[in-house]
Amino acid sequence: MNIGDRWSSPWREITADDVADFARLTGDHDSLHCSNSSASPFGEPVAHGLLGLSVLAGLGSDHPNAATLALVGISDWQFEAPIFFGDRVQVVTEVAQIQQHGRRAGRVTWLRQLVNQHGRIVQRGNFVTLVATRSRARHLTNQEHTQRGTLPPR
């Protein structure tokens, strides 16, 4: 992994059901997000901004396929444009910074952008994660295969 490396995720459609499920999960039932709403300043209902951020986090988790140990921060997050029901989005990720974090991990700052089907950036900002080095990632993978189906002791 090097500074400047880039990946794109697969596309995902944001549906009215996704928005309704997110509203039920979070309790955010603002009329902006109701499928029959005319209250939106955008002329039609929009998805929750945090739904877009959550979808971005999920889509970006395998692109790249890094051995992530922890999400430690999100910074400079911008909600640039609305996400409408039926929009298709994908995540574009670029390595912005890498710092050593102990002997077996790195602290990686990723520039992440959520892009819609029209090529418009709807959200952007930085995710900061701890990522295992190759040797630690191999150890974690081997450990996972031998302990499958068991929970680690607390």
N, C-alpha and C. Protein backbone atom coordinates (compact mmCIF):
# COMPACT_ATOMS: atom_id res chain seq x y z
N MET A 1 0.85 -1.17 0.00
CA MET A 1 0.00 0.00 0.00
C MET A 1 0.90 1.23 0.00
N ASN A 2 0.60 2.17 -0.88
CA ASN A 2 1.39 3.39 -1.00
C ASN A 2 0.48 4.61 -1.08
N ILE A 3 1.02 5.75 -0.67
CA ILE A 3 0.27 7.00 -0.79
C ILE A 3 -0.08 7.21 -2.26
N GLY A 4 -1.34 7.55 -2.50
CA GLY A 4 -1.81 7.78 -3.86
C GLY A 4 -2.52 6.59 -4.48
N ASP A 5 -2.38 5.39 -3.89
CA ASP A 5 -3.11 4.22 -4.40
C ASP A 5 -4.61 4.49 -4.30
N ARG A 6 -5.36 4.02 -5.33
CA ARG A 6 -6.82 4.28 -5.38
C ARG A 6 -7.58 3.00 -5.69
N TRP A 7 -8.81 2.94 -5.15
CA TRP A 7 -9.71 1.83 -5.39
C TRP A 7 -11.12 2.37 -5.56
N SER A 8 -11.93 1.64 -6.31
CA SER A 8 -13.36 1.96 -6.43
C SER A 8 -14.15 0.73 -6.01
N SER A 9 -15.22 0.97 -5.28
CA SER A 9 -16.08 -0.11 -4.82
C SER A 9 -17.09 -0.46 -5.91
N PRO A 10 -17.83 -1.55 -5.71
CA PRO A 10 -18.99 -1.80 -6.59
C PRO A 10 -20.05 -0.72 -6.34
N TRP A 11 -21.02 -0.65 -7.23
CA TRP A 11 -22.13 0.28 -7.10
C TRP A 11 -23.21 -0.31 -6.20
N ARG A 12 -23.96 0.59 -5.54
CA ARG A 12 -25.09 0.17 -4.71
C ARG A 12 -26.21 1.19 -4.89
N GLU A 13 -27.42 0.69 -5.08
CA GLU A 13 -28.59 1.57 -5.20
C GLU A 13 -29.13 1.89 -3.81
N ILE A 14 -29.48 3.14 -3.59
CA ILE A 14 -30.11 3.57 -2.34
C ILE A 14 -31.62 3.58 -2.58
N THR A 15 -32.33 2.72 -1.89
CA THR A 15 -33.77 2.55 -2.12
C THR A 15 -34.60 3.22 -1.03
N ALA A 16 -35.88 3.38 -1.31
CA ALA A 16 -36.81 3.91 -0.30
C ALA A 16 -36.85 2.98 0.91
N ASP A 17 -36.72 1.67 0.67
CA ASP A 17 -36.69 0.72 1.79
C ASP A 17 -35.46 0.93 2.66
N ASP A 18 -34.30 1.20 2.04
CA ASP A 18 -33.09 1.49 2.81
C ASP A 18 -33.32 2.68 3.74
N VAL A 19 -33.92 3.73 3.18
CA VAL A 19 -34.16 4.96 3.95
C VAL A 19 -35.15 4.69 5.08
N ALA A 20 -36.21 3.94 4.80
CA ALA A 20 -37.20 3.62 5.84
C ALA A 20 -36.57 2.76 6.94
N ASP A 21 -35.75 1.79 6.55
CA ASP A 21 -35.07 0.95 7.55
C ASP A 21 -34.12 1.78 8.41
N PHE A 22 -33.39 2.70 7.79
CA PHE A 22 -32.46 3.55 8.53
C PHE A 22 -33.23 4.45 9.49
N ALA A 23 -34.37 4.97 9.05
CA ALA A 23 -35.20 5.81 9.93
C ALA A 23 -35.68 5.02 11.14
N ARG A 24 -36.11 3.77 10.91
CA ARG A 24 -36.54 2.93 12.04
C ARG A 24 -35.39 2.64 12.98
N LEU A 25 -34.22 2.36 12.43
CA LEU A 25 -33.05 2.04 13.25
C LEU A 25 -32.61 3.22 14.10
N THR A 26 -32.59 4.41 13.51
CA THR A 26 -32.05 5.58 14.20
C THR A 26 -33.10 6.43 14.91
N GLY A 27 -34.36 6.29 14.51
CA GLY A 27 -35.40 7.15 15.07
C GLY A 27 -35.50 8.49 14.37
N ASP A 28 -34.76 8.68 13.28
CA ASP A 28 -34.80 9.93 12.52
C ASP A 28 -35.89 9.83 11.47
N HIS A 29 -37.06 10.35 11.81
CA HIS A 29 -38.22 10.29 10.92
C HIS A 29 -38.54 11.67 10.34
N ASP A 30 -37.52 12.48 10.13
CA ASP A 30 -37.72 13.80 9.55
C ASP A 30 -38.45 13.67 8.21
N SER A 31 -39.34 14.59 7.96
CA SER A 31 -40.16 14.50 6.74
C SER A 31 -39.33 14.61 5.46
N LEU A 32 -38.10 15.09 5.54
CA LEU A 32 -37.22 15.13 4.36
C LEU A 32 -37.02 13.75 3.75
N HIS A 33 -37.16 12.73 4.60
CA HIS A 33 -36.80 11.37 4.20
C HIS A 33 -38.02 10.49 3.92
N CYS A 34 -39.21 11.05 3.97
CA CYS A 34 -40.43 10.27 3.74
C CYS A 34 -40.72 10.19 2.24
N SER A 35 -41.03 9.00 1.77
CA SER A 35 -41.21 8.81 0.32
C SER A 35 -42.36 9.62 -0.26
N ASN A 36 -43.32 10.01 0.57
CA ASN A 36 -44.45 10.79 0.05
C ASN A 36 -44.32 12.27 0.43
N SER A 37 -43.12 12.69 0.77
CA SER A 37 -42.92 14.05 1.26
C SER A 37 -42.72 15.05 0.13
N SER A 38 -43.34 16.20 0.31
CA SER A 38 -43.07 17.33 -0.58
C SER A 38 -42.34 18.42 0.19
N ALA A 39 -41.92 18.09 1.44
CA ALA A 39 -41.27 19.07 2.31
C ALA A 39 -39.81 19.28 1.98
N SER A 40 -39.25 18.47 1.13
CA SER A 40 -37.83 18.56 0.83
C SER A 40 -37.51 19.81 0.02
N PRO A 41 -36.49 20.54 0.41
CA PRO A 41 -36.09 21.70 -0.40
C PRO A 41 -35.48 21.28 -1.74
N PHE A 42 -35.27 19.99 -1.92
CA PHE A 42 -34.69 19.47 -3.16
C PHE A 42 -35.76 19.03 -4.15
N GLY A 43 -37.03 19.19 -3.77
CA GLY A 43 -38.13 18.85 -4.66
C GLY A 43 -38.55 17.40 -4.61
N GLU A 44 -37.83 16.59 -3.90
CA GLU A 44 -38.16 15.18 -3.71
C GLU A 44 -37.46 14.70 -2.45
N PRO A 45 -37.90 13.56 -1.90
CA PRO A 45 -37.27 13.09 -0.66
C PRO A 45 -35.81 12.72 -0.86
N VAL A 46 -35.06 12.82 0.21
CA VAL A 46 -33.63 12.50 0.17
C VAL A 46 -33.30 11.49 1.27
N ALA A 47 -32.22 10.74 1.03
CA ALA A 47 -31.72 9.80 2.03
C ALA A 47 -31.04 10.58 3.15
N HIS A 48 -30.98 9.98 4.31
CA HIS A 48 -30.26 10.56 5.44
C HIS A 48 -28.78 10.69 5.06
N GLY A 49 -28.17 11.79 5.43
CA GLY A 49 -26.74 11.94 5.19
C GLY A 49 -25.94 10.85 5.87
N LEU A 50 -26.35 10.49 7.10
CA LEU A 50 -25.62 9.44 7.82
C LEU A 50 -25.84 8.06 7.22
N LEU A 51 -26.95 7.87 6.50
CA LEU A 51 -27.13 6.63 5.75
C LEU A 51 -26.06 6.55 4.66
N GLY A 52 -25.85 7.65 3.95
CA GLY A 52 -24.80 7.69 2.94
C GLY A 52 -23.44 7.39 3.53
N LEU A 53 -23.14 7.99 4.69
CA LEU A 53 -21.86 7.74 5.36
C LEU A 53 -21.73 6.28 5.75
N SER A 54 -22.82 5.68 6.24
CA SER A 54 -22.79 4.27 6.64
C SER A 54 -22.59 3.36 5.43
N VAL A 55 -23.28 3.66 4.34
CA VAL A 55 -23.11 2.87 3.11
C VAL A 55 -21.67 3.00 2.62
N LEU A 56 -21.13 4.22 2.68
CA LEU A 56 -19.73 4.43 2.30
C LEU A 56 -18.81 3.56 3.14
N ALA A 57 -19.02 3.52 4.44
CA ALA A 57 -18.16 2.72 5.32
C ALA A 57 -18.23 1.24 4.94
N GLY A 58 -19.43 0.77 4.64
CA GLY A 58 -19.57 -0.64 4.26
C GLY A 58 -18.96 -0.95 2.91
N LEU A 59 -19.27 -0.14 1.90
CA LEU A 59 -18.73 -0.39 0.56
C LEU A 59 -17.21 -0.28 0.53
N GLY A 60 -16.67 0.63 1.33
CA GLY A 60 -15.22 0.84 1.34
C GLY A 60 -14.45 -0.18 2.14
N SER A 61 -15.15 -1.02 2.91
CA SER A 61 -14.44 -1.94 3.80
C SER A 61 -13.66 -3.03 3.06
N ASP A 62 -14.05 -3.38 1.86
CA ASP A 62 -13.32 -4.39 1.08
C ASP A 62 -12.56 -3.79 -0.09
N HIS A 63 -12.57 -2.50 -0.23
CA HIS A 63 -11.92 -1.86 -1.39
C HIS A 63 -11.10 -0.67 -0.92
N PRO A 64 -9.88 -0.90 -0.44
CA PRO A 64 -9.10 -2.12 -0.58
C PRO A 64 -9.40 -3.12 0.53
N ASN A 65 -8.95 -4.33 0.31
CA ASN A 65 -9.11 -5.39 1.29
C ASN A 65 -7.91 -5.35 2.24
N ALA A 66 -7.95 -4.44 3.20
CA ALA A 66 -6.87 -4.28 4.18
C ALA A 66 -7.29 -4.95 5.49
N ALA A 67 -6.31 -5.33 6.26
CA ALA A 67 -6.58 -5.95 7.57
C ALA A 67 -6.81 -4.85 8.60
N THR A 68 -8.01 -4.26 8.56
CA THR A 68 -8.34 -3.15 9.45
C THR A 68 -8.50 -3.64 10.88
N LEU A 69 -7.82 -2.97 11.80
CA LEU A 69 -7.92 -3.30 13.22
C LEU A 69 -8.93 -2.41 13.92
N ALA A 70 -9.04 -1.15 13.48
CA ALA A 70 -9.96 -0.22 14.14
C ALA A 70 -10.15 1.03 13.29
N LEU A 71 -11.34 1.57 13.34
CA LEU A 71 -11.61 2.91 12.82
C LEU A 71 -11.34 3.86 13.98
N VAL A 72 -10.43 4.81 13.80
CA VAL A 72 -10.08 5.69 14.91
C VAL A 72 -10.53 7.13 14.71
N GLY A 73 -10.99 7.45 13.50
CA GLY A 73 -11.47 8.81 13.31
C GLY A 73 -12.04 9.06 11.94
N ILE A 74 -12.90 10.06 11.89
CA ILE A 74 -13.43 10.59 10.64
C ILE A 74 -13.24 12.10 10.74
N SER A 75 -12.63 12.69 9.72
CA SER A 75 -12.37 14.13 9.80
C SER A 75 -12.71 14.82 8.49
N ASP A 76 -12.95 16.11 8.62
CA ASP A 76 -13.21 16.97 7.46
C ASP A 76 -14.33 16.42 6.59
N TRP A 77 -15.38 15.85 7.22
CA TRP A 77 -16.46 15.25 6.44
C TRP A 77 -17.37 16.33 5.88
N GLN A 78 -17.68 16.20 4.60
CA GLN A 78 -18.54 17.16 3.93
C GLN A 78 -19.68 16.43 3.24
N PHE A 79 -20.88 16.94 3.43
CA PHE A 79 -22.05 16.45 2.72
C PHE A 79 -22.27 17.43 1.56
N GLU A 80 -21.82 17.05 0.38
CA GLU A 80 -21.75 17.96 -0.76
C GLU A 80 -23.06 18.09 -1.53
N ALA A 81 -23.81 16.99 -1.62
CA ALA A 81 -25.04 16.99 -2.43
C ALA A 81 -25.98 15.93 -1.86
N PRO A 82 -27.28 16.08 -2.13
CA PRO A 82 -28.24 15.09 -1.61
C PRO A 82 -28.12 13.75 -2.34
N ILE A 83 -28.56 12.72 -1.63
CA ILE A 83 -28.70 11.39 -2.23
C ILE A 83 -30.20 11.14 -2.35
N PHE A 84 -30.66 10.96 -3.58
CA PHE A 84 -32.08 10.75 -3.83
C PHE A 84 -32.39 9.26 -3.87
N PHE A 85 -33.65 8.92 -3.59
CA PHE A 85 -34.09 7.53 -3.69
C PHE A 85 -33.82 7.06 -5.12
N GLY A 86 -33.24 5.89 -5.25
CA GLY A 86 -32.93 5.34 -6.57
C GLY A 86 -31.54 5.71 -7.08
N ASP A 87 -30.84 6.62 -6.40
CA ASP A 87 -29.47 6.92 -6.81
C ASP A 87 -28.59 5.70 -6.62
N ARG A 88 -27.63 5.55 -7.50
CA ARG A 88 -26.60 4.52 -7.36
C ARG A 88 -25.34 5.22 -6.91
N VAL A 89 -24.65 4.63 -5.93
CA VAL A 89 -23.44 5.25 -5.39
C VAL A 89 -22.31 4.22 -5.34
N GLN A 90 -21.10 4.75 -5.37
CA GLN A 90 -19.91 3.92 -5.17
C GLN A 90 -18.90 4.75 -4.38
N VAL A 91 -17.93 4.05 -3.81
CA VAL A 91 -16.91 4.70 -3.01
C VAL A 91 -15.59 4.70 -3.78
N VAL A 92 -14.97 5.87 -3.81
CA VAL A 92 -13.62 5.98 -4.35
C VAL A 92 -12.72 6.29 -3.17
N THR A 93 -11.70 5.45 -2.98
CA THR A 93 -10.80 5.55 -1.83
C THR A 93 -9.38 5.78 -2.31
N GLU A 94 -8.70 6.70 -1.66
CA GLU A 94 -7.29 6.96 -1.97
C GLU A 94 -6.50 7.02 -0.67
N VAL A 95 -5.31 6.42 -0.67
CA VAL A 95 -4.44 6.49 0.49
C VAL A 95 -3.83 7.89 0.53
N ALA A 96 -4.11 8.63 1.60
CA ALA A 96 -3.61 9.99 1.74
C ALA A 96 -2.37 10.07 2.61
N GLN A 97 -2.29 9.18 3.63
CA GLN A 97 -1.16 9.24 4.56
C GLN A 97 -1.00 7.89 5.22
N ILE A 98 0.25 7.50 5.48
CA ILE A 98 0.56 6.27 6.21
C ILE A 98 1.60 6.62 7.27
N GLN A 99 1.32 6.21 8.51
CA GLN A 99 2.26 6.41 9.60
C GLN A 99 2.43 5.09 10.34
N GLN A 100 3.63 4.81 10.78
CA GLN A 100 3.87 3.62 11.59
C GLN A 100 3.12 3.78 12.91
N HIS A 101 2.52 2.69 13.39
CA HIS A 101 1.80 2.71 14.68
C HIS A 101 2.24 1.45 15.43
N GLY A 102 3.30 1.58 16.19
CA GLY A 102 3.88 0.40 16.83
C GLY A 102 4.62 -0.44 15.80
N ARG A 103 4.90 -1.70 16.19
CA ARG A 103 5.67 -2.57 15.29
C ARG A 103 4.79 -3.34 14.32
N ARG A 104 3.51 -3.50 14.66
CA ARG A 104 2.68 -4.40 13.85
C ARG A 104 1.44 -3.76 13.25
N ALA A 105 1.44 -2.42 13.19
CA ALA A 105 0.29 -1.75 12.59
C ALA A 105 0.70 -0.41 11.99
N GLY A 106 -0.13 0.08 11.12
CA GLY A 106 0.05 1.40 10.55
C GLY A 106 -1.22 2.21 10.75
N ARG A 107 -1.05 3.50 10.82
CA ARG A 107 -2.20 4.41 10.90
C ARG A 107 -2.36 4.99 9.50
N VAL A 108 -3.49 4.65 8.87
CA VAL A 108 -3.71 5.04 7.48
C VAL A 108 -4.83 6.07 7.42
N THR A 109 -4.58 7.16 6.72
CA THR A 109 -5.61 8.15 6.44
C THR A 109 -6.05 7.95 5.00
N TRP A 110 -7.34 7.70 4.84
CA TRP A 110 -7.93 7.43 3.54
C TRP A 110 -8.80 8.61 3.15
N LEU A 111 -8.63 9.14 1.96
CA LEU A 111 -9.59 10.10 1.41
C LEU A 111 -10.69 9.25 0.80
N ARG A 112 -11.91 9.43 1.30
CA ARG A 112 -13.04 8.65 0.78
C ARG A 112 -14.07 9.60 0.18
N GLN A 113 -14.57 9.20 -0.98
CA GLN A 113 -15.60 9.97 -1.66
C GLN A 113 -16.75 9.05 -2.02
N LEU A 114 -17.96 9.50 -1.76
CA LEU A 114 -19.16 8.79 -2.19
C LEU A 114 -19.63 9.51 -3.45
N VAL A 115 -19.66 8.77 -4.55
CA VAL A 115 -19.93 9.34 -5.87
C VAL A 115 -21.22 8.73 -6.40
N ASN A 116 -22.10 9.58 -6.98
CA ASN A 116 -23.34 9.04 -7.53
C ASN A 116 -23.18 8.65 -9.00
N GLN A 117 -24.24 8.12 -9.57
CA GLN A 117 -24.22 7.61 -10.95
C GLN A 117 -23.93 8.69 -11.99
N HIS A 118 -24.03 9.96 -11.61
CA HIS A 118 -23.75 11.06 -12.51
C HIS A 118 -22.30 11.55 -12.38
N GLY A 119 -21.52 10.86 -11.53
CA GLY A 119 -20.14 11.27 -11.31
C GLY A 119 -19.98 12.40 -10.31
N ARG A 120 -21.07 12.77 -9.65
CA ARG A 120 -21.04 13.86 -8.67
C ARG A 120 -20.64 13.33 -7.30
N ILE A 121 -19.71 14.00 -6.66
CA ILE A 121 -19.32 13.65 -5.30
C ILE A 121 -20.42 14.13 -4.37
N VAL A 122 -21.07 13.22 -3.65
CA VAL A 122 -22.14 13.61 -2.73
C VAL A 122 -21.64 13.73 -1.29
N GLN A 123 -20.56 13.00 -0.96
CA GLN A 123 -19.93 13.12 0.35
C GLN A 123 -18.44 12.89 0.18
N ARG A 124 -17.66 13.49 1.10
CA ARG A 124 -16.22 13.26 1.06
C ARG A 124 -15.59 13.62 2.40
N GLY A 125 -14.47 13.01 2.66
CA GLY A 125 -13.73 13.30 3.87
C GLY A 125 -12.69 12.23 4.12
N ASN A 126 -12.14 12.25 5.33
CA ASN A 126 -11.06 11.33 5.68
C ASN A 126 -11.51 10.31 6.72
N PHE A 127 -11.17 9.07 6.47
CA PHE A 127 -11.29 8.02 7.47
C PHE A 127 -9.87 7.72 7.94
N VAL A 128 -9.70 7.53 9.24
CA VAL A 128 -8.40 7.16 9.78
C VAL A 128 -8.57 5.80 10.45
N THR A 129 -7.75 4.84 10.02
CA THR A 129 -7.85 3.48 10.56
C THR A 129 -6.48 2.97 10.97
N LEU A 130 -6.51 2.00 11.87
CA LEU A 130 -5.30 1.23 12.15
C LEU A 130 -5.38 -0.02 11.29
N VAL A 131 -4.29 -0.31 10.59
CA VAL A 131 -4.23 -1.44 9.67
C VAL A 131 -3.05 -2.31 10.07
N ALA A 132 -3.28 -3.62 10.11
CA ALA A 132 -2.22 -4.55 10.47
C ALA A 132 -1.16 -4.60 9.38
N THR A 133 0.09 -4.80 9.81
CA THR A 133 1.15 -5.06 8.84
C THR A 133 0.90 -6.43 8.22
N ARG A 134 1.61 -6.76 7.16
CA ARG A 134 1.40 -8.05 6.49
C ARG A 134 1.60 -9.22 7.44
N SER A 135 2.65 -9.17 8.25
CA SER A 135 2.91 -10.30 9.15
C SER A 135 1.81 -10.45 10.20
N ARG A 136 1.34 -9.34 10.75
CA ARG A 136 0.25 -9.41 11.72
C ARG A 136 -1.04 -9.86 11.05
N ALA A 137 -1.30 -9.39 9.83
CA ALA A 137 -2.51 -9.80 9.11
C ALA A 137 -2.49 -11.31 8.86
N ARG A 138 -1.34 -11.87 8.49
CA ARG A 138 -1.24 -13.33 8.30
C ARG A 138 -1.53 -14.06 9.61
N HIS A 139 -0.98 -13.55 10.71
CA HIS A 139 -1.22 -14.16 12.02
C HIS A 139 -2.70 -14.11 12.38
N LEU A 140 -3.33 -12.96 12.17
CA LEU A 140 -4.76 -12.83 12.48
C LEU A 140 -5.60 -13.76 11.63
N THR A 141 -5.25 -13.91 10.34
CA THR A 141 -5.98 -14.80 9.45
C THR A 141 -5.83 -16.25 9.89
N ASN A 142 -4.63 -16.66 10.24
CA ASN A 142 -4.41 -18.03 10.72
C ASN A 142 -5.16 -18.29 12.02
N GLN A 143 -5.15 -17.32 12.91
CA GLN A 143 -5.85 -17.43 14.19
C GLN A 143 -7.35 -17.53 13.96
N GLU A 144 -7.87 -16.77 13.02
CA GLU A 144 -9.30 -16.79 12.71
C GLU A 144 -9.73 -18.16 12.22
N HIS A 145 -8.92 -18.78 11.37
CA HIS A 145 -9.27 -20.11 10.85
C HIS A 145 -9.27 -21.18 11.94
N THR A 146 -8.38 -21.08 12.92
CA THR A 146 -8.32 -22.09 13.97
C THR A 146 -9.36 -21.88 15.05
N GLN A 147 -9.88 -20.64 15.19
CA GLN A 147 -10.85 -20.33 16.25
C GLN A 147 -12.25 -20.07 15.70
N ARG A 148 -12.51 -20.44 14.49
CA ARG A 148 -13.81 -20.17 13.88
C ARG A 148 -14.94 -20.72 14.74
N GLY A 149 -15.96 -19.90 14.94
CA GLY A 149 -17.13 -20.33 15.68
C GLY A 149 -17.02 -20.14 17.18
N THR A 150 -15.93 -19.58 17.65
CA THR A 150 -15.80 -19.33 19.08
C THR A 150 -15.58 -17.84 19.32
N LEU A 151 -16.07 -17.36 20.43
CA LEU A 151 -15.87 -15.98 20.78
C LEU A 151 -14.60 -15.86 21.63
N PRO A 152 -13.84 -14.78 21.45
CA PRO A 152 -12.65 -14.62 22.26
C PRO A 152 -13.03 -14.35 23.72
N PRO A 153 -12.16 -14.78 24.67
CA PRO A 153 -12.46 -14.52 26.08
C PRO A 153 -12.43 -13.03 26.36
N ARG A 154 -13.24 -12.60 27.32
CA ARG A 154 -13.27 -11.19 27.72
C ARG A 154 -12.36 -10.95 28.87
